[in-house]
Amino acid sequence: MHRGQEGSATIFGLGLVIMIFLVGGMSIDLWRVIAERQDLVQKADAAAAAGANQIDIAEYRLNGILVLDNAAATQAAQEILGQPSTWDFTAVNGGVETRDGDGLADDMVVELSREVEFALLGILSQTKSVTITVESVASPQSTG
């Protein structure tokens, strides 16, 4: 080794370790966002499917048209959303609605939102958190 280069391997190794910790910390933050989004999507999908199963039986028997029973669909979706969840979430604009453009309620819509705070990314950047919003739409389907 040349004079003046002593300890350069230590400095290089220390810098490499710090970089690995930074990249690892950012990866953990980003994967946490992905995991929380997946949980939110599953919750919204389950609630929308539960609501879409609540059809207006009288309308179906009378006209053969699959139309949601608004009250029952909303209640079924809210029951699913009321069950314990891994993470907290917020229902956007009430969270649950039935809608369609032709006046008949044949879509069950569930919109949820969650704020995810960063650990390492919050220290390294101006952004301290990110808001995840998902929407799930389900419609009653005839099996026959």
N, C-alpha and C. Protein backbone atom coordinates (compact mmCIF):
# COMPACT_ATOMS: atom_id res chain seq x y z
N MET A 1 0.83 -1.16 0.00
CA MET A 1 0.00 0.00 0.00
C MET A 1 0.88 1.24 0.00
N HIS A 2 0.40 2.22 -0.72
CA HIS A 2 1.13 3.48 -0.77
C HIS A 2 0.81 4.32 0.46
N ARG A 3 1.77 5.13 0.79
CA ARG A 3 1.58 6.03 1.92
C ARG A 3 0.42 6.98 1.62
N GLY A 4 -0.46 7.23 2.57
CA GLY A 4 -1.59 8.12 2.38
C GLY A 4 -2.87 7.40 1.98
N GLN A 5 -2.76 6.11 1.64
CA GLN A 5 -3.94 5.36 1.24
C GLN A 5 -4.43 4.44 2.35
N GLU A 6 -3.80 4.49 3.48
CA GLU A 6 -4.22 3.64 4.58
C GLU A 6 -5.60 4.06 5.07
N GLY A 7 -6.48 3.10 5.23
CA GLY A 7 -7.83 3.38 5.70
C GLY A 7 -8.82 3.67 4.59
N SER A 8 -8.37 3.73 3.35
CA SER A 8 -9.30 4.03 2.26
C SER A 8 -10.29 2.89 2.05
N ALA A 9 -9.88 1.65 2.29
CA ALA A 9 -10.80 0.52 2.17
C ALA A 9 -11.87 0.59 3.25
N THR A 10 -11.50 1.05 4.43
CA THR A 10 -12.46 1.19 5.53
C THR A 10 -13.50 2.26 5.19
N ILE A 11 -13.05 3.38 4.67
CA ILE A 11 -13.96 4.46 4.29
C ILE A 11 -14.89 4.00 3.17
N PHE A 12 -14.33 3.30 2.18
CA PHE A 12 -15.14 2.77 1.08
C PHE A 12 -16.18 1.79 1.61
N GLY A 13 -15.76 0.89 2.48
CA GLY A 13 -16.69 -0.10 3.07
C GLY A 13 -17.78 0.57 3.89
N LEU A 14 -17.42 1.57 4.66
CA LEU A 14 -18.41 2.30 5.47
C LEU A 14 -19.42 3.01 4.57
N GLY A 15 -18.94 3.63 3.51
CA GLY A 15 -19.84 4.29 2.55
C GLY A 15 -20.78 3.30 1.90
N LEU A 16 -20.26 2.13 1.56
CA LEU A 16 -21.08 1.09 0.94
C LEU A 16 -22.17 0.60 1.90
N VAL A 17 -21.82 0.41 3.16
CA VAL A 17 -22.80 -0.03 4.16
C VAL A 17 -23.89 1.02 4.34
N ILE A 18 -23.51 2.30 4.38
CA ILE A 18 -24.50 3.37 4.52
C ILE A 18 -25.45 3.38 3.32
N MET A 19 -24.91 3.22 2.12
CA MET A 19 -25.75 3.18 0.92
C MET A 19 -26.72 2.00 0.95
N ILE A 20 -26.24 0.85 1.40
CA ILE A 20 -27.11 -0.33 1.49
C ILE A 20 -28.24 -0.08 2.48
N PHE A 21 -27.95 0.54 3.62
CA PHE A 21 -28.99 0.86 4.60
C PHE A 21 -30.01 1.85 4.02
N LEU A 22 -29.54 2.85 3.30
CA LEU A 22 -30.46 3.83 2.70
C LEU A 22 -31.38 3.18 1.68
N VAL A 23 -30.81 2.40 0.78
CA VAL A 23 -31.62 1.72 -0.24
C VAL A 23 -32.58 0.73 0.42
N GLY A 24 -32.11 0.01 1.42
CA GLY A 24 -32.96 -0.94 2.14
C GLY A 24 -34.10 -0.24 2.85
N GLY A 25 -33.82 0.88 3.49
CA GLY A 25 -34.86 1.64 4.19
C GLY A 25 -35.91 2.18 3.24
N MET A 26 -35.48 2.69 2.09
CA MET A 26 -36.44 3.18 1.10
C MET A 26 -37.27 2.04 0.54
N SER A 27 -36.65 0.89 0.34
CA SER A 27 -37.38 -0.28 -0.15
C SER A 27 -38.46 -0.71 0.84
N ILE A 28 -38.13 -0.69 2.12
CA ILE A 28 -39.11 -1.07 3.14
C ILE A 28 -40.30 -0.10 3.12
N ASP A 29 -40.04 1.20 3.01
CA ASP A 29 -41.12 2.18 2.94
C ASP A 29 -42.02 1.93 1.73
N LEU A 30 -41.41 1.72 0.58
CA LEU A 30 -42.20 1.53 -0.64
C LEU A 30 -42.97 0.22 -0.61
N TRP A 31 -42.39 -0.84 -0.09
CA TRP A 31 -43.11 -2.11 0.01
C TRP A 31 -44.26 -2.01 1.00
N ARG A 32 -44.09 -1.19 2.05
CA ARG A 32 -45.18 -1.00 3.00
C ARG A 32 -46.36 -0.30 2.33
N VAL A 33 -46.08 0.66 1.48
CA VAL A 33 -47.14 1.33 0.73
C VAL A 33 -47.87 0.33 -0.16
N ILE A 34 -47.12 -0.53 -0.83
CA ILE A 34 -47.73 -1.54 -1.70
C ILE A 34 -48.58 -2.50 -0.89
N ALA A 35 -48.09 -2.96 0.25
CA ALA A 35 -48.84 -3.90 1.09
C ALA A 35 -50.12 -3.25 1.62
N GLU A 36 -50.04 -2.00 2.03
CA GLU A 36 -51.23 -1.33 2.55
C GLU A 36 -52.25 -1.07 1.44
N ARG A 37 -51.78 -0.79 0.23
CA ARG A 37 -52.69 -0.62 -0.90
C ARG A 37 -53.40 -1.93 -1.22
N GLN A 38 -52.67 -3.04 -1.19
CA GLN A 38 -53.30 -4.33 -1.45
C GLN A 38 -54.37 -4.64 -0.41
N ASP A 39 -54.10 -4.33 0.85
CA ASP A 39 -55.08 -4.55 1.90
C ASP A 39 -56.32 -3.69 1.66
N LEU A 40 -56.12 -2.46 1.25
CA LEU A 40 -57.23 -1.56 0.99
C LEU A 40 -58.06 -2.03 -0.20
N VAL A 41 -57.40 -2.51 -1.26
CA VAL A 41 -58.11 -3.03 -2.43
C VAL A 41 -58.93 -4.25 -2.05
N GLN A 42 -58.36 -5.15 -1.26
CA GLN A 42 -59.11 -6.35 -0.84
C GLN A 42 -60.35 -5.97 -0.03
N LYS A 43 -60.21 -5.00 0.86
CA LYS A 43 -61.35 -4.55 1.68
C LYS A 43 -62.43 -3.93 0.79
N ALA A 44 -62.03 -3.08 -0.15
CA ALA A 44 -63.00 -2.43 -1.04
C ALA A 44 -63.67 -3.45 -1.95
N ASP A 45 -62.90 -4.41 -2.48
CA ASP A 45 -63.47 -5.44 -3.35
C ASP A 45 -64.48 -6.31 -2.60
N ALA A 46 -64.15 -6.69 -1.37
CA ALA A 46 -65.06 -7.52 -0.57
C ALA A 46 -66.35 -6.77 -0.28
N ALA A 47 -66.25 -5.49 0.06
CA ALA A 47 -67.44 -4.70 0.36
C ALA A 47 -68.30 -4.50 -0.89
N ALA A 48 -67.67 -4.22 -2.02
CA ALA A 48 -68.42 -4.03 -3.27
C ALA A 48 -69.11 -5.33 -3.69
N ALA A 49 -68.43 -6.45 -3.55
CA ALA A 49 -69.03 -7.74 -3.91
C ALA A 49 -70.21 -8.06 -3.00
N ALA A 50 -70.07 -7.79 -1.71
CA ALA A 50 -71.16 -8.04 -0.77
C ALA A 50 -72.37 -7.17 -1.12
N GLY A 51 -72.13 -5.93 -1.46
CA GLY A 51 -73.23 -5.05 -1.83
C GLY A 51 -73.88 -5.44 -3.15
N ALA A 52 -73.08 -5.88 -4.11
CA ALA A 52 -73.61 -6.26 -5.42
C ALA A 52 -74.47 -7.52 -5.36
N ASN A 53 -74.35 -8.28 -4.29
CA ASN A 53 -75.19 -9.48 -4.13
C ASN A 53 -76.59 -9.17 -3.61
N GLN A 54 -76.83 -7.95 -3.23
CA GLN A 54 -78.13 -7.56 -2.65
C GLN A 54 -79.03 -6.99 -3.74
N ILE A 55 -79.72 -7.87 -4.46
CA ILE A 55 -80.57 -7.41 -5.55
C ILE A 55 -82.00 -7.18 -5.07
N ASP A 56 -82.73 -6.38 -5.83
CA ASP A 56 -84.15 -6.13 -5.57
C ASP A 56 -84.92 -7.33 -6.13
N ILE A 57 -85.33 -8.23 -5.24
CA ILE A 57 -85.99 -9.48 -5.65
C ILE A 57 -87.30 -9.18 -6.39
N ALA A 58 -88.09 -8.23 -5.89
CA ALA A 58 -89.38 -7.91 -6.52
C ALA A 58 -89.19 -7.43 -7.96
N GLU A 59 -88.21 -6.58 -8.19
CA GLU A 59 -87.93 -6.09 -9.55
C GLU A 59 -87.47 -7.22 -10.46
N TYR A 60 -86.67 -8.11 -9.92
CA TYR A 60 -86.19 -9.24 -10.72
C TYR A 60 -87.34 -10.17 -11.10
N ARG A 61 -88.21 -10.46 -10.15
CA ARG A 61 -89.35 -11.35 -10.44
C ARG A 61 -90.34 -10.69 -11.40
N LEU A 62 -90.52 -9.39 -11.28
CA LEU A 62 -91.49 -8.69 -12.11
C LEU A 62 -90.99 -8.47 -13.53
N ASN A 63 -89.74 -8.00 -13.67
CA ASN A 63 -89.22 -7.62 -14.99
C ASN A 63 -88.01 -8.43 -15.45
N GLY A 64 -87.45 -9.25 -14.57
CA GLY A 64 -86.27 -10.02 -14.93
C GLY A 64 -85.00 -9.19 -15.02
N ILE A 65 -85.00 -8.01 -14.40
CA ILE A 65 -83.85 -7.11 -14.45
C ILE A 65 -83.12 -7.16 -13.10
N LEU A 66 -81.81 -7.28 -13.17
CA LEU A 66 -81.00 -7.26 -11.95
C LEU A 66 -80.74 -5.82 -11.54
N VAL A 67 -81.37 -5.43 -10.44
CA VAL A 67 -81.22 -4.09 -9.90
C VAL A 67 -80.88 -4.23 -8.43
N LEU A 68 -79.99 -3.39 -7.96
CA LEU A 68 -79.61 -3.45 -6.55
C LEU A 68 -80.71 -2.88 -5.67
N ASP A 69 -80.88 -3.51 -4.52
CA ASP A 69 -81.70 -2.95 -3.45
C ASP A 69 -80.77 -1.99 -2.71
N ASN A 70 -80.98 -0.69 -2.91
CA ASN A 70 -80.04 0.32 -2.41
C ASN A 70 -79.73 0.16 -0.93
N ALA A 71 -80.77 0.06 -0.11
CA ALA A 71 -80.57 -0.01 1.34
C ALA A 71 -79.82 -1.27 1.74
N ALA A 72 -80.23 -2.42 1.20
CA ALA A 72 -79.59 -3.69 1.55
C ALA A 72 -78.15 -3.73 1.04
N ALA A 73 -77.91 -3.20 -0.16
CA ALA A 73 -76.56 -3.20 -0.74
C ALA A 73 -75.63 -2.33 0.09
N THR A 74 -76.10 -1.15 0.47
CA THR A 74 -75.28 -0.25 1.28
C THR A 74 -74.99 -0.86 2.64
N GLN A 75 -76.01 -1.47 3.25
CA GLN A 75 -75.83 -2.09 4.57
C GLN A 75 -74.83 -3.25 4.50
N ALA A 76 -74.95 -4.10 3.48
CA ALA A 76 -74.04 -5.24 3.34
C ALA A 76 -72.60 -4.77 3.16
N ALA A 77 -72.40 -3.75 2.35
CA ALA A 77 -71.05 -3.22 2.13
C ALA A 77 -70.49 -2.61 3.41
N GLN A 78 -71.32 -1.87 4.13
CA GLN A 78 -70.85 -1.24 5.37
C GLN A 78 -70.56 -2.27 6.46
N GLU A 79 -71.28 -3.39 6.46
CA GLU A 79 -70.97 -4.46 7.42
C GLU A 79 -69.58 -5.03 7.16
N ILE A 80 -69.24 -5.22 5.89
CA ILE A 80 -67.89 -5.71 5.55
C ILE A 80 -66.85 -4.68 5.98
N LEU A 81 -67.11 -3.41 5.72
CA LEU A 81 -66.15 -2.37 6.09
C LEU A 81 -66.04 -2.20 7.60
N GLY A 82 -67.06 -2.60 8.33
CA GLY A 82 -67.05 -2.48 9.78
C GLY A 82 -66.26 -3.56 10.48
N GLN A 83 -65.89 -4.61 9.76
CA GLN A 83 -65.10 -5.69 10.36
C GLN A 83 -63.68 -5.21 10.62
N PRO A 84 -63.00 -5.81 11.60
CA PRO A 84 -61.62 -5.39 11.90
C PRO A 84 -60.71 -5.51 10.68
N SER A 85 -59.82 -4.54 10.55
CA SER A 85 -58.88 -4.51 9.43
C SER A 85 -57.46 -4.43 9.98
N THR A 86 -56.51 -4.84 9.17
CA THR A 86 -55.11 -4.77 9.57
C THR A 86 -54.69 -3.33 9.80
N TRP A 87 -55.11 -2.43 8.90
CA TRP A 87 -54.78 -1.02 9.00
C TRP A 87 -56.06 -0.19 8.99
N ASP A 88 -55.98 1.00 9.52
CA ASP A 88 -57.13 1.91 9.49
C ASP A 88 -57.32 2.45 8.08
N PHE A 89 -58.55 2.80 7.77
CA PHE A 89 -58.85 3.42 6.48
C PHE A 89 -59.96 4.43 6.68
N THR A 90 -60.15 5.27 5.68
CA THR A 90 -61.20 6.27 5.70
C THR A 90 -62.09 6.04 4.49
N ALA A 91 -63.38 6.07 4.69
CA ALA A 91 -64.31 5.96 3.57
C ALA A 91 -64.39 7.33 2.90
N VAL A 92 -64.12 7.38 1.60
CA VAL A 92 -64.12 8.62 0.84
C VAL A 92 -65.56 8.94 0.43
N ASN A 93 -66.01 10.16 0.67
CA ASN A 93 -67.37 10.58 0.32
C ASN A 93 -68.43 9.61 0.83
N GLY A 94 -68.30 9.15 2.04
CA GLY A 94 -69.24 8.18 2.58
C GLY A 94 -68.82 6.76 2.30
N GLY A 95 -67.98 6.57 1.30
CA GLY A 95 -67.38 5.27 1.05
C GLY A 95 -68.20 4.31 0.23
N VAL A 96 -69.52 4.29 0.42
CA VAL A 96 -70.35 3.28 -0.22
C VAL A 96 -71.49 3.98 -0.95
N GLU A 97 -71.70 3.61 -2.21
CA GLU A 97 -72.85 4.14 -2.94
C GLU A 97 -73.27 3.17 -4.03
N THR A 98 -74.53 3.28 -4.42
CA THR A 98 -75.01 2.55 -5.59
C THR A 98 -75.24 3.59 -6.67
N ARG A 99 -74.88 3.26 -7.90
CA ARG A 99 -75.04 4.27 -8.95
C ARG A 99 -75.18 3.62 -10.32
N ASP A 100 -75.76 4.39 -11.20
CA ASP A 100 -75.81 4.05 -12.62
C ASP A 100 -76.40 5.24 -13.36
N GLY A 101 -76.12 5.34 -14.60
CA GLY A 101 -76.58 6.48 -15.38
C GLY A 101 -78.03 6.42 -15.81
N ASP A 102 -78.63 5.24 -15.84
CA ASP A 102 -80.00 5.13 -16.35
C ASP A 102 -81.07 5.17 -15.26
N GLY A 103 -80.70 5.54 -14.07
CA GLY A 103 -81.68 5.65 -12.99
C GLY A 103 -81.86 4.38 -12.20
N LEU A 104 -81.40 3.25 -12.71
CA LEU A 104 -81.47 1.99 -11.97
C LEU A 104 -80.13 1.75 -11.31
N ALA A 105 -80.19 1.40 -10.06
CA ALA A 105 -78.94 1.18 -9.32
C ALA A 105 -78.42 -0.21 -9.63
N ASP A 106 -77.47 -0.30 -10.54
CA ASP A 106 -76.92 -1.62 -10.82
C ASP A 106 -75.39 -1.68 -10.72
N ASP A 107 -74.81 -0.71 -10.05
CA ASP A 107 -73.38 -0.75 -9.73
C ASP A 107 -73.21 -0.45 -8.25
N MET A 108 -72.39 -1.25 -7.59
CA MET A 108 -72.04 -1.02 -6.19
C MET A 108 -70.64 -0.43 -6.19
N VAL A 109 -70.47 0.74 -5.64
CA VAL A 109 -69.19 1.44 -5.66
C VAL A 109 -68.70 1.65 -4.24
N VAL A 110 -67.46 1.24 -3.98
CA VAL A 110 -66.84 1.45 -2.67
C VAL A 110 -65.52 2.17 -2.91
N GLU A 111 -65.35 3.30 -2.24
CA GLU A 111 -64.12 4.08 -2.38
C GLU A 111 -63.52 4.28 -0.99
N LEU A 112 -62.27 3.86 -0.84
CA LEU A 112 -61.59 3.94 0.45
C LEU A 112 -60.26 4.68 0.29
N SER A 113 -59.79 5.24 1.38
CA SER A 113 -58.54 5.99 1.36
C SER A 113 -57.77 5.70 2.64
N ARG A 114 -56.46 5.79 2.53
CA ARG A 114 -55.59 5.56 3.70
C ARG A 114 -54.34 6.43 3.56
N GLU A 115 -53.94 7.01 4.67
CA GLU A 115 -52.71 7.81 4.73
C GLU A 115 -51.59 6.90 5.22
N VAL A 116 -50.49 6.83 4.48
CA VAL A 116 -49.35 6.00 4.86
C VAL A 116 -48.17 6.92 5.14
N GLU A 117 -47.67 6.87 6.36
CA GLU A 117 -46.52 7.70 6.72
C GLU A 117 -45.22 6.95 6.41
N PHE A 118 -44.26 7.71 5.90
CA PHE A 118 -42.96 7.13 5.58
C PHE A 118 -42.07 7.12 6.82
N ALA A 119 -41.17 6.16 6.88
CA ALA A 119 -40.17 6.13 7.94
C ALA A 119 -38.91 6.83 7.43
N LEU A 120 -38.09 6.13 6.66
CA LEU A 120 -36.84 6.70 6.17
C LEU A 120 -37.08 7.75 5.09
N LEU A 121 -38.01 7.50 4.19
CA LEU A 121 -38.29 8.49 3.15
C LEU A 121 -38.80 9.80 3.74
N GLY A 122 -39.49 9.74 4.86
CA GLY A 122 -39.96 10.94 5.53
C GLY A 122 -38.82 11.79 6.06
N ILE A 123 -37.73 11.15 6.43
CA ILE A 123 -36.56 11.87 6.93
C ILE A 123 -35.77 12.48 5.77
N LEU A 124 -35.68 11.74 4.68
CA LEU A 124 -34.83 12.16 3.56
C LEU A 124 -35.51 13.11 2.58
N SER A 125 -36.84 13.23 2.64
CA SER A 125 -37.53 14.08 1.67
C SER A 125 -38.54 14.99 2.36
N GLN A 126 -39.10 15.90 1.60
CA GLN A 126 -40.12 16.80 2.12
C GLN A 126 -41.46 16.09 2.31
N THR A 127 -41.68 15.02 1.56
CA THR A 127 -42.92 14.27 1.64
C THR A 127 -42.88 13.34 2.84
N LYS A 128 -43.78 13.54 3.77
CA LYS A 128 -43.79 12.73 4.99
C LYS A 128 -44.76 11.56 4.90
N SER A 129 -45.70 11.64 3.95
CA SER A 129 -46.68 10.56 3.81
C SER A 129 -47.26 10.59 2.41
N VAL A 130 -48.02 9.55 2.10
CA VAL A 130 -48.71 9.45 0.82
C VAL A 130 -50.14 8.97 1.12
N THR A 131 -51.08 9.47 0.34
CA THR A 131 -52.47 9.05 0.49
C THR A 131 -52.80 8.07 -0.61
N ILE A 132 -53.29 6.91 -0.22
CA ILE A 132 -53.70 5.87 -1.17
C ILE A 132 -55.22 5.89 -1.24
N THR A 133 -55.77 5.97 -2.43
CA THR A 133 -57.22 5.93 -2.62
C THR A 133 -57.53 4.85 -3.65
N VAL A 134 -58.48 3.97 -3.31
CA VAL A 134 -58.88 2.92 -4.24
C VAL A 134 -60.39 2.96 -4.41
N GLU A 135 -60.85 2.52 -5.57
CA GLU A 135 -62.28 2.42 -5.84
C GLU A 135 -62.56 1.04 -6.41
N SER A 136 -63.59 0.42 -5.89
CA SER A 136 -63.99 -0.89 -6.39
C SER A 136 -65.44 -0.80 -6.84
N VAL A 137 -65.72 -1.32 -8.03
CA VAL A 137 -67.07 -1.31 -8.58
C VAL A 137 -67.47 -2.75 -8.87
N ALA A 138 -68.66 -3.13 -8.39
CA ALA A 138 -69.17 -4.48 -8.64
C ALA A 138 -70.62 -4.37 -9.09
N SER A 139 -71.03 -5.29 -9.94
CA SER A 139 -72.40 -5.31 -10.44
C SER A 139 -72.98 -6.70 -10.25
N PRO A 140 -74.29 -6.79 -10.03
CA PRO A 140 -74.90 -8.12 -9.93
C PRO A 140 -74.85 -8.80 -11.30
N GLN A 141 -74.57 -10.08 -11.29
CA GLN A 141 -74.45 -10.85 -12.53
C GLN A 141 -75.42 -12.03 -12.50
N SER A 142 -76.03 -12.29 -13.61
CA SER A 142 -76.92 -13.45 -13.74
C SER A 142 -76.08 -14.69 -14.02
N THR A 143 -76.38 -15.77 -13.33
CA THR A 143 -75.60 -17.00 -13.52
C THR A 143 -76.24 -17.92 -14.55
N GLY A 144 -77.41 -17.64 -14.97
CA GLY A 144 -78.10 -18.56 -15.87
C GLY A 144 -78.39 -17.94 -17.13
